[in-house]
Amino acid sequence: GGVIVLADDNWQQGIIGIVASRITERFGLPSILITFEGSVPLLSDESPFDIGKGSGRSVKGFNLVTALSECEELLEKYGGHELAAGLSVRRGNLDAFREKLNDYARPILNSLDNVQVIEADRIVSADEITLDLANELSSVIEPCGHHNPVPSFIMNDVTITSLRGIGAGKHLKLTDEK
């Protein structure tokens, strides 16, 4: 595994961080999306001097800013923290940046235990999950948001036999073996 580095001329700068988060979540690897939006004049060809703006997301155990610091001579600027960073890079340095970043990243990423860790608030059993419990919880914990995240639960040894969307796709109905 390595760092997924993707670039395009037309991606909107405002959404590349969100998309990078989804890619990292989906593949369990750090990702950086770079857009050259606005740096390419409409009537001319791309230039090695075009500046792309990038947004990156990482995985636990791989410090993205440290990795970018290993490539700083190829970047115009960079900053952020372990799990999220931003950068600017010239188009002419993009391939060298991708290669140097991955040369640094591969041994670190290969040494990580690539098991995705799912954190939950509590392990529950099937007989604990009732509509009364759901109503009681919602009256105690809501509203949920940034500083009050929605709680998550794990139920072990369950085999889902069917699932379907209900309520215009806003809810999911799961059926397990009985």
N, C-alpha and C. Protein backbone atom coordinates (compact mmCIF):
# COMPACT_ATOMS: atom_id res chain seq x y z
N GLY A 1 0.83 -1.20 0.00
CA GLY A 1 0.00 0.00 0.00
C GLY A 1 0.86 1.24 0.00
N GLY A 2 0.29 2.31 -0.51
CA GLY A 2 0.97 3.59 -0.54
C GLY A 2 -0.02 4.71 -0.33
N VAL A 3 0.41 5.93 -0.62
CA VAL A 3 -0.47 7.09 -0.53
C VAL A 3 -1.13 7.27 -1.89
N ILE A 4 -2.45 7.38 -1.90
CA ILE A 4 -3.19 7.61 -3.14
C ILE A 4 -3.10 9.10 -3.45
N VAL A 5 -2.48 9.45 -4.58
CA VAL A 5 -2.34 10.86 -4.98
C VAL A 5 -3.02 11.03 -6.33
N LEU A 6 -4.09 11.81 -6.36
CA LEU A 6 -4.86 12.04 -7.59
C LEU A 6 -4.92 13.53 -7.87
N ALA A 7 -4.92 13.89 -9.16
CA ALA A 7 -4.96 15.30 -9.54
C ALA A 7 -5.87 15.50 -10.74
N ASP A 8 -6.46 16.70 -10.83
CA ASP A 8 -7.35 17.03 -11.94
C ASP A 8 -7.34 18.54 -12.12
N ASP A 9 -7.69 18.99 -13.31
CA ASP A 9 -7.73 20.43 -13.57
C ASP A 9 -9.01 21.09 -13.10
N ASN A 10 -10.07 20.32 -12.91
CA ASN A 10 -11.38 20.93 -12.72
C ASN A 10 -12.09 20.60 -11.41
N TRP A 11 -11.46 19.86 -10.53
CA TRP A 11 -12.13 19.56 -9.26
C TRP A 11 -12.31 20.83 -8.46
N GLN A 12 -13.43 20.95 -7.77
CA GLN A 12 -13.68 22.12 -6.93
C GLN A 12 -12.85 22.02 -5.67
N GLN A 13 -12.14 23.09 -5.38
CA GLN A 13 -11.25 23.10 -4.21
C GLN A 13 -12.00 22.85 -2.92
N GLY A 14 -13.25 23.30 -2.85
CA GLY A 14 -14.03 23.17 -1.63
C GLY A 14 -14.42 21.75 -1.26
N ILE A 15 -14.37 20.83 -2.21
CA ILE A 15 -14.83 19.47 -1.90
C ILE A 15 -13.72 18.42 -1.87
N ILE A 16 -12.51 18.77 -2.28
CA ILE A 16 -11.49 17.72 -2.38
C ILE A 16 -11.12 17.12 -1.02
N GLY A 17 -11.22 17.91 0.05
CA GLY A 17 -10.94 17.37 1.38
C GLY A 17 -11.96 16.32 1.79
N ILE A 18 -13.22 16.59 1.48
CA ILE A 18 -14.29 15.64 1.79
C ILE A 18 -14.10 14.35 1.00
N VAL A 19 -13.76 14.49 -0.28
CA VAL A 19 -13.56 13.31 -1.13
C VAL A 19 -12.34 12.53 -0.67
N ALA A 20 -11.26 13.23 -0.29
CA ALA A 20 -10.07 12.55 0.23
C ALA A 20 -10.42 11.74 1.48
N SER A 21 -11.26 12.32 2.35
CA SER A 21 -11.70 11.59 3.55
C SER A 21 -12.40 10.29 3.18
N ARG A 22 -13.27 10.36 2.18
CA ARG A 22 -14.02 9.16 1.76
C ARG A 22 -13.09 8.12 1.15
N ILE A 23 -12.11 8.56 0.36
CA ILE A 23 -11.16 7.63 -0.26
C ILE A 23 -10.34 6.93 0.82
N THR A 24 -9.84 7.71 1.79
CA THR A 24 -9.06 7.13 2.88
C THR A 24 -9.89 6.14 3.68
N GLU A 25 -11.14 6.51 3.94
CA GLU A 25 -12.05 5.63 4.67
C GLU A 25 -12.29 4.34 3.88
N ARG A 26 -12.50 4.47 2.59
CA ARG A 26 -12.84 3.32 1.74
C ARG A 26 -11.67 2.35 1.57
N PHE A 27 -10.46 2.90 1.35
CA PHE A 27 -9.32 2.04 1.03
C PHE A 27 -8.37 1.82 2.20
N GLY A 28 -8.56 2.55 3.30
CA GLY A 28 -7.69 2.39 4.45
C GLY A 28 -6.27 2.86 4.20
N LEU A 29 -6.10 3.79 3.25
CA LEU A 29 -4.79 4.34 2.91
C LEU A 29 -4.86 5.87 2.93
N PRO A 30 -3.74 6.54 3.21
CA PRO A 30 -3.74 8.00 3.10
C PRO A 30 -4.05 8.40 1.66
N SER A 31 -4.67 9.56 1.48
CA SER A 31 -4.94 10.04 0.12
C SER A 31 -4.75 11.55 0.07
N ILE A 32 -4.34 12.01 -1.11
CA ILE A 32 -4.19 13.44 -1.36
C ILE A 32 -4.84 13.72 -2.71
N LEU A 33 -5.78 14.66 -2.73
CA LEU A 33 -6.39 15.10 -3.97
C LEU A 33 -5.89 16.50 -4.27
N ILE A 34 -5.51 16.72 -5.51
CA ILE A 34 -4.94 18.01 -5.92
C ILE A 34 -5.75 18.53 -7.09
N THR A 35 -6.13 19.81 -7.01
CA THR A 35 -6.84 20.43 -8.11
C THR A 35 -6.06 21.61 -8.66
N PHE A 36 -6.03 21.70 -9.98
CA PHE A 36 -5.41 22.85 -10.64
C PHE A 36 -6.48 23.84 -11.09
N GLU A 37 -7.69 23.71 -10.52
CA GLU A 37 -8.80 24.59 -10.86
C GLU A 37 -8.38 26.04 -10.67
N GLY A 38 -8.61 26.85 -11.70
CA GLY A 38 -8.30 28.27 -11.60
C GLY A 38 -6.87 28.61 -11.96
N SER A 39 -5.98 27.61 -12.01
CA SER A 39 -4.58 27.93 -12.33
C SER A 39 -4.30 27.77 -13.82
N VAL A 40 -5.24 27.15 -14.54
CA VAL A 40 -5.04 26.94 -15.97
C VAL A 40 -5.90 27.94 -16.74
N PRO A 41 -5.26 28.90 -17.44
CA PRO A 41 -6.05 29.86 -18.23
C PRO A 41 -6.87 29.11 -19.28
N LEU A 42 -8.09 29.58 -19.53
CA LEU A 42 -8.99 28.88 -20.43
C LEU A 42 -8.45 28.72 -21.85
N LEU A 43 -7.64 29.66 -22.30
CA LEU A 43 -7.21 29.64 -23.69
C LEU A 43 -5.79 29.12 -23.90
N SER A 44 -5.16 28.62 -22.84
CA SER A 44 -3.79 28.13 -23.04
C SER A 44 -3.65 26.72 -22.50
N ASP A 45 -2.56 26.08 -22.87
CA ASP A 45 -2.31 24.73 -22.42
C ASP A 45 -1.80 24.75 -20.98
N GLU A 46 -1.82 23.57 -20.38
CA GLU A 46 -1.29 23.46 -19.03
C GLU A 46 0.21 23.73 -19.04
N SER A 47 0.70 24.24 -17.95
CA SER A 47 2.11 24.59 -17.82
C SER A 47 2.68 23.88 -16.60
N PRO A 48 3.98 23.52 -16.65
CA PRO A 48 4.61 22.90 -15.47
C PRO A 48 4.63 23.85 -14.28
N PHE A 49 4.37 25.15 -14.53
CA PHE A 49 4.39 26.13 -13.45
C PHE A 49 3.02 26.33 -12.80
N ASP A 50 1.97 25.71 -13.37
CA ASP A 50 0.64 25.79 -12.76
C ASP A 50 0.74 25.29 -11.32
N ILE A 51 0.05 25.97 -10.43
CA ILE A 51 0.05 25.56 -9.02
C ILE A 51 -1.26 24.87 -8.68
N GLY A 52 -1.11 23.65 -8.18
CA GLY A 52 -2.27 22.89 -7.72
C GLY A 52 -2.38 22.96 -6.22
N LYS A 53 -3.61 23.02 -5.75
CA LYS A 53 -3.85 23.02 -4.31
C LYS A 53 -4.37 21.64 -3.93
N GLY A 54 -3.79 21.09 -2.87
CA GLY A 54 -4.14 19.73 -2.47
C GLY A 54 -4.67 19.65 -1.06
N SER A 55 -5.45 18.61 -0.84
CA SER A 55 -5.98 18.32 0.49
C SER A 55 -5.78 16.83 0.74
N GLY A 56 -5.21 16.50 1.90
CA GLY A 56 -4.90 15.11 2.19
C GLY A 56 -5.50 14.64 3.50
N ARG A 57 -5.77 13.36 3.57
CA ARG A 57 -6.24 12.72 4.79
C ARG A 57 -5.38 11.48 5.03
N SER A 58 -5.17 11.13 6.30
CA SER A 58 -4.30 10.00 6.60
C SER A 58 -4.99 8.98 7.49
N VAL A 59 -4.23 7.96 7.82
CA VAL A 59 -4.70 6.89 8.69
C VAL A 59 -3.89 6.92 9.98
N LYS A 60 -4.46 6.36 11.02
CA LYS A 60 -3.78 6.33 12.31
C LYS A 60 -2.42 5.64 12.16
N GLY A 61 -1.38 6.27 12.68
CA GLY A 61 -0.04 5.69 12.60
C GLY A 61 0.81 6.24 11.47
N PHE A 62 0.21 7.06 10.58
CA PHE A 62 0.98 7.66 9.49
C PHE A 62 0.79 9.17 9.55
N ASN A 63 1.83 9.89 10.00
CA ASN A 63 1.77 11.34 10.16
C ASN A 63 1.94 12.01 8.81
N LEU A 64 0.85 12.58 8.31
CA LEU A 64 0.85 13.16 6.97
C LEU A 64 1.77 14.38 6.86
N VAL A 65 1.79 15.24 7.89
CA VAL A 65 2.66 16.42 7.82
C VAL A 65 4.13 16.03 7.84
N THR A 66 4.49 15.02 8.63
CA THR A 66 5.87 14.53 8.62
C THR A 66 6.24 14.02 7.23
N ALA A 67 5.31 13.28 6.61
CA ALA A 67 5.55 12.76 5.26
C ALA A 67 5.74 13.90 4.26
N LEU A 68 4.89 14.93 4.37
CA LEU A 68 5.03 16.07 3.45
C LEU A 68 6.34 16.81 3.68
N SER A 69 6.80 16.86 4.95
CA SER A 69 8.07 17.54 5.23
C SER A 69 9.24 16.83 4.55
N GLU A 70 9.10 15.52 4.31
CA GLU A 70 10.14 14.77 3.59
C GLU A 70 10.20 15.17 2.12
N CYS A 71 9.14 15.82 1.63
CA CYS A 71 9.04 16.21 0.22
C CYS A 71 9.02 17.72 0.05
N GLU A 72 9.42 18.46 1.09
CA GLU A 72 9.17 19.90 1.08
C GLU A 72 9.85 20.64 -0.07
N GLU A 73 10.97 20.09 -0.58
CA GLU A 73 11.63 20.80 -1.69
C GLU A 73 10.82 20.73 -2.98
N LEU A 74 9.83 19.82 -3.02
CA LEU A 74 8.97 19.69 -4.21
C LEU A 74 7.64 20.43 -4.05
N LEU A 75 7.41 21.00 -2.87
CA LEU A 75 6.14 21.67 -2.59
C LEU A 75 6.34 23.18 -2.47
N GLU A 76 5.31 23.92 -2.81
CA GLU A 76 5.34 25.37 -2.62
C GLU A 76 5.09 25.69 -1.15
N LYS A 77 4.11 24.99 -0.57
CA LYS A 77 3.84 25.12 0.86
C LYS A 77 3.01 23.93 1.29
N TYR A 78 2.96 23.72 2.61
CA TYR A 78 2.15 22.64 3.17
C TYR A 78 1.92 22.93 4.64
N GLY A 79 0.93 22.28 5.20
CA GLY A 79 0.66 22.45 6.62
C GLY A 79 -0.50 21.56 7.04
N GLY A 80 -0.72 21.48 8.33
CA GLY A 80 -1.81 20.66 8.84
C GLY A 80 -1.37 19.89 10.06
N HIS A 81 -1.87 18.68 10.19
CA HIS A 81 -1.50 17.85 11.33
C HIS A 81 -1.43 16.40 10.90
N GLU A 82 -1.32 15.49 11.86
CA GLU A 82 -1.06 14.09 11.55
C GLU A 82 -2.05 13.49 10.57
N LEU A 83 -3.34 13.76 10.73
CA LEU A 83 -4.35 13.07 9.94
C LEU A 83 -4.94 13.90 8.81
N ALA A 84 -4.65 15.20 8.74
CA ALA A 84 -5.20 16.04 7.68
C ALA A 84 -4.22 17.16 7.36
N ALA A 85 -4.03 17.40 6.06
CA ALA A 85 -3.07 18.42 5.66
C ALA A 85 -3.48 19.06 4.34
N GLY A 86 -2.92 20.22 4.10
CA GLY A 86 -3.11 20.92 2.83
C GLY A 86 -1.75 21.21 2.22
N LEU A 87 -1.73 21.40 0.90
CA LEU A 87 -0.46 21.66 0.24
C LEU A 87 -0.68 22.40 -1.07
N SER A 88 0.39 22.99 -1.59
CA SER A 88 0.41 23.56 -2.93
C SER A 88 1.63 22.97 -3.64
N VAL A 89 1.43 22.55 -4.89
CA VAL A 89 2.50 21.92 -5.66
C VAL A 89 2.41 22.35 -7.11
N ARG A 90 3.58 22.58 -7.72
CA ARG A 90 3.60 22.92 -9.15
C ARG A 90 3.38 21.64 -9.98
N ARG A 91 2.67 21.79 -11.09
CA ARG A 91 2.36 20.65 -11.95
C ARG A 91 3.63 19.89 -12.35
N GLY A 92 4.70 20.63 -12.61
CA GLY A 92 5.95 20.00 -13.02
C GLY A 92 6.60 19.15 -11.94
N ASN A 93 6.20 19.34 -10.69
CA ASN A 93 6.75 18.56 -9.58
C ASN A 93 5.84 17.42 -9.13
N LEU A 94 4.67 17.31 -9.75
CA LEU A 94 3.66 16.37 -9.27
C LEU A 94 4.14 14.91 -9.28
N ASP A 95 4.71 14.48 -10.39
CA ASP A 95 5.16 13.08 -10.48
C ASP A 95 6.28 12.78 -9.50
N ALA A 96 7.24 13.72 -9.39
CA ALA A 96 8.35 13.53 -8.45
C ALA A 96 7.84 13.52 -7.02
N PHE A 97 6.85 14.37 -6.72
CA PHE A 97 6.25 14.41 -5.39
C PHE A 97 5.57 13.08 -5.07
N ARG A 98 4.78 12.58 -6.01
CA ARG A 98 4.07 11.31 -5.80
C ARG A 98 5.08 10.18 -5.52
N GLU A 99 6.17 10.16 -6.30
CA GLU A 99 7.17 9.10 -6.15
C GLU A 99 7.92 9.22 -4.82
N LYS A 100 8.36 10.42 -4.48
CA LYS A 100 9.12 10.60 -3.24
C LYS A 100 8.24 10.33 -2.02
N LEU A 101 7.01 10.81 -2.06
CA LEU A 101 6.08 10.58 -0.96
C LEU A 101 5.87 9.08 -0.73
N ASN A 102 5.68 8.34 -1.81
CA ASN A 102 5.44 6.91 -1.67
C ASN A 102 6.69 6.13 -1.29
N ASP A 103 7.86 6.58 -1.72
CA ASP A 103 9.11 5.95 -1.27
C ASP A 103 9.23 6.06 0.25
N TYR A 104 8.82 7.23 0.78
CA TYR A 104 8.86 7.43 2.23
C TYR A 104 7.75 6.62 2.91
N ALA A 105 6.57 6.62 2.31
CA ALA A 105 5.38 6.08 2.98
C ALA A 105 5.31 4.55 2.99
N ARG A 106 5.73 3.90 1.92
CA ARG A 106 5.50 2.46 1.79
C ARG A 106 5.98 1.64 2.98
N PRO A 107 7.25 1.79 3.42
CA PRO A 107 7.69 0.97 4.55
C PRO A 107 6.89 1.24 5.83
N ILE A 108 6.50 2.48 6.03
CA ILE A 108 5.71 2.81 7.23
C ILE A 108 4.33 2.18 7.14
N LEU A 109 3.67 2.36 5.99
CA LEU A 109 2.32 1.83 5.82
C LEU A 109 2.32 0.30 5.86
N ASN A 110 3.36 -0.33 5.29
CA ASN A 110 3.43 -1.79 5.29
C ASN A 110 3.66 -2.34 6.69
N SER A 111 4.26 -1.52 7.57
CA SER A 111 4.51 -1.99 8.93
C SER A 111 3.29 -1.82 9.83
N LEU A 112 2.33 -0.98 9.39
CA LEU A 112 1.13 -0.78 10.19
C LEU A 112 0.25 -2.01 10.10
N ASP A 113 -0.46 -2.26 11.15
CA ASP A 113 -1.45 -3.34 11.13
C ASP A 113 -2.63 -2.80 10.34
N ASN A 114 -2.78 -3.27 9.10
CA ASN A 114 -3.79 -2.69 8.22
C ASN A 114 -5.22 -3.14 8.52
N VAL A 115 -5.45 -3.52 9.75
CA VAL A 115 -6.81 -3.84 10.15
C VAL A 115 -7.48 -2.53 10.51
N GLN A 116 -8.62 -2.27 9.90
CA GLN A 116 -9.34 -1.05 10.25
C GLN A 116 -9.98 -1.23 11.62
N VAL A 117 -9.73 -0.28 12.50
CA VAL A 117 -10.26 -0.34 13.84
C VAL A 117 -11.57 0.43 13.88
N ILE A 118 -12.59 -0.22 14.39
CA ILE A 118 -13.88 0.44 14.55
C ILE A 118 -14.08 0.66 16.04
N GLU A 119 -14.22 1.91 16.41
CA GLU A 119 -14.43 2.23 17.82
C GLU A 119 -15.92 2.37 18.08
N ALA A 120 -16.37 1.84 19.21
CA ALA A 120 -17.78 1.93 19.57
C ALA A 120 -17.88 2.32 21.04
N ASP A 121 -19.05 2.81 21.41
CA ASP A 121 -19.27 3.22 22.79
C ASP A 121 -19.55 2.03 23.70
N ARG A 122 -20.17 0.98 23.15
CA ARG A 122 -20.56 -0.14 23.99
C ARG A 122 -20.85 -1.37 23.14
N ILE A 123 -20.58 -2.53 23.70
CA ILE A 123 -20.99 -3.79 23.08
C ILE A 123 -22.37 -4.12 23.65
N VAL A 124 -23.30 -4.45 22.76
CA VAL A 124 -24.66 -4.77 23.20
C VAL A 124 -25.05 -6.16 22.71
N SER A 125 -26.05 -6.74 23.36
CA SER A 125 -26.58 -8.03 22.92
C SER A 125 -27.95 -7.80 22.28
N ALA A 126 -28.41 -8.76 21.51
CA ALA A 126 -29.66 -8.62 20.77
C ALA A 126 -30.84 -8.34 21.69
N ASP A 127 -30.86 -8.96 22.87
CA ASP A 127 -32.01 -8.76 23.75
C ASP A 127 -32.03 -7.38 24.42
N GLU A 128 -30.90 -6.62 24.33
CA GLU A 128 -30.87 -5.26 24.88
C GLU A 128 -31.45 -4.24 23.91
N ILE A 129 -31.45 -4.58 22.62
CA ILE A 129 -31.87 -3.62 21.60
C ILE A 129 -33.39 -3.66 21.48
N THR A 130 -34.02 -2.59 22.00
CA THR A 130 -35.48 -2.49 21.95
C THR A 130 -35.86 -1.09 21.51
N LEU A 131 -37.10 -0.95 21.10
CA LEU A 131 -37.59 0.37 20.73
C LEU A 131 -37.61 1.30 21.94
N ASP A 132 -37.93 0.74 23.11
CA ASP A 132 -37.91 1.55 24.34
C ASP A 132 -36.52 2.12 24.60
N LEU A 133 -35.48 1.28 24.41
CA LEU A 133 -34.10 1.74 24.61
C LEU A 133 -33.77 2.86 23.62
N ALA A 134 -34.15 2.69 22.35
CA ALA A 134 -33.87 3.70 21.33
C ALA A 134 -34.55 5.02 21.70
N ASN A 135 -35.81 4.96 22.13
CA ASN A 135 -36.52 6.19 22.52
C ASN A 135 -35.88 6.84 23.74
N GLU A 136 -35.49 6.02 24.70
CA GLU A 136 -34.85 6.54 25.91
C GLU A 136 -33.51 7.21 25.58
N LEU A 137 -32.73 6.54 24.74
CA LEU A 137 -31.44 7.11 24.34
C LEU A 137 -31.61 8.44 23.61
N SER A 138 -32.54 8.49 22.67
CA SER A 138 -32.69 9.72 21.90
C SER A 138 -33.12 10.88 22.78
N SER A 139 -33.92 10.61 23.81
CA SER A 139 -34.35 11.71 24.69
C SER A 139 -33.20 12.20 25.57
N VAL A 140 -32.21 11.34 25.82
CA VAL A 140 -31.10 11.70 26.70
C VAL A 140 -29.95 12.36 25.94
N ILE A 141 -29.63 11.85 24.75
CA ILE A 141 -28.39 12.28 24.08
C ILE A 141 -28.58 13.36 23.03
N GLU A 142 -29.78 13.53 22.50
CA GLU A 142 -29.94 14.50 21.43
C GLU A 142 -29.96 15.91 21.99
N PRO A 143 -29.56 16.94 21.23
CA PRO A 143 -29.15 16.84 19.83
C PRO A 143 -27.70 16.39 19.69
N CYS A 144 -27.44 15.61 18.66
CA CYS A 144 -26.08 15.15 18.37
C CYS A 144 -25.45 16.09 17.36
N GLY A 145 -24.15 16.26 17.47
CA GLY A 145 -23.42 17.13 16.56
C GLY A 145 -21.93 16.97 16.79
N HIS A 146 -21.18 18.02 16.46
CA HIS A 146 -19.72 17.95 16.50
C HIS A 146 -19.19 17.59 17.89
N HIS A 147 -19.69 18.26 18.92
CA HIS A 147 -19.20 18.01 20.28
C HIS A 147 -19.98 16.94 21.02
N ASN A 148 -21.01 16.42 20.39
CA ASN A 148 -21.83 15.36 21.00
C ASN A 148 -22.14 14.34 19.91
N PRO A 149 -21.16 13.48 19.58
CA PRO A 149 -21.34 12.56 18.46
C PRO A 149 -22.43 11.51 18.73
N VAL A 150 -23.02 11.02 17.66
CA VAL A 150 -24.01 9.95 17.74
C VAL A 150 -23.31 8.72 18.32
N PRO A 151 -23.89 8.09 19.33
CA PRO A 151 -23.23 6.90 19.90
C PRO A 151 -23.24 5.74 18.91
N SER A 152 -22.26 4.86 19.05
CA SER A 152 -22.23 3.68 18.19
C SER A 152 -22.09 2.44 19.07
N PHE A 153 -22.67 1.36 18.59
CA PHE A 153 -22.71 0.12 19.35
C PHE A 153 -22.24 -1.03 18.49
N ILE A 154 -21.70 -2.05 19.11
CA ILE A 154 -21.27 -3.26 18.41
C ILE A 154 -22.07 -4.43 18.97
N MET A 155 -22.52 -5.27 18.05
CA MET A 155 -23.18 -6.51 18.44
C MET A 155 -22.38 -7.65 17.80
N ASN A 156 -21.84 -8.52 18.62
CA ASN A 156 -21.01 -9.61 18.12
C ASN A 156 -21.84 -10.82 17.74
N ASP A 157 -21.26 -11.67 16.89
CA ASP A 157 -21.84 -12.96 16.52
C ASP A 157 -23.26 -12.83 15.96
N VAL A 158 -23.43 -11.91 15.03
CA VAL A 158 -24.72 -11.73 14.36
C VAL A 158 -24.50 -11.93 12.87
N THR A 159 -25.38 -12.68 12.25
CA THR A 159 -25.34 -12.86 10.80
C THR A 159 -26.56 -12.19 10.20
N ILE A 160 -26.35 -11.19 9.39
CA ILE A 160 -27.45 -10.47 8.75
C ILE A 160 -27.91 -11.31 7.56
N THR A 161 -29.21 -11.64 7.54
CA THR A 161 -29.74 -12.45 6.44
C THR A 161 -30.42 -11.60 5.37
N SER A 162 -30.86 -10.39 5.75
CA SER A 162 -31.40 -9.48 4.73
C SER A 162 -31.32 -8.05 5.24
N LEU A 163 -31.27 -7.13 4.30
CA LEU A 163 -31.32 -5.72 4.64
C LEU A 163 -32.03 -4.98 3.54
N ARG A 164 -32.79 -3.95 3.93
CA ARG A 164 -33.48 -3.14 2.92
C ARG A 164 -33.69 -1.73 3.45
N GLY A 165 -33.70 -0.79 2.53
CA GLY A 165 -33.95 0.59 2.89
C GLY A 165 -35.43 0.81 3.15
N ILE A 166 -35.73 1.58 4.17
CA ILE A 166 -37.12 1.95 4.45
C ILE A 166 -37.17 3.44 4.74
N GLY A 167 -38.38 4.00 4.73
CA GLY A 167 -38.52 5.44 5.01
C GLY A 167 -37.81 6.28 3.98
N ALA A 168 -38.11 6.02 2.70
CA ALA A 168 -37.49 6.75 1.58
C ALA A 168 -35.97 6.64 1.61
N GLY A 169 -35.47 5.49 2.07
CA GLY A 169 -34.03 5.25 2.08
C GLY A 169 -33.28 5.90 3.21
N LYS A 170 -33.99 6.52 4.16
CA LYS A 170 -33.32 7.18 5.27
C LYS A 170 -32.97 6.22 6.40
N HIS A 171 -33.58 5.04 6.38
CA HIS A 171 -33.36 4.05 7.42
C HIS A 171 -33.04 2.71 6.77
N LEU A 172 -32.46 1.84 7.55
CA LEU A 172 -32.08 0.52 7.06
C LEU A 172 -32.68 -0.54 7.99
N LYS A 173 -33.39 -1.49 7.41
CA LYS A 173 -33.97 -2.58 8.19
C LYS A 173 -33.09 -3.82 8.00
N LEU A 174 -32.58 -4.35 9.11
CA LEU A 174 -31.71 -5.53 9.08
C LEU A 174 -32.46 -6.71 9.70
N THR A 175 -32.29 -7.87 9.11
CA THR A 175 -32.87 -9.08 9.68
C THR A 175 -31.74 -10.05 9.92
N ASP A 176 -31.74 -10.67 11.13
CA ASP A 176 -30.68 -11.62 11.43
C ASP A 176 -31.26 -13.02 11.56
N GLU A 177 -30.37 -13.99 11.65
CA GLU A 177 -30.79 -15.38 11.81
C GLU A 177 -31.41 -15.56 13.18
N LYS A 178 -32.46 -16.31 13.26
CA LYS A 178 -33.09 -16.61 14.56
C LYS A 178 -33.14 -18.12 14.74
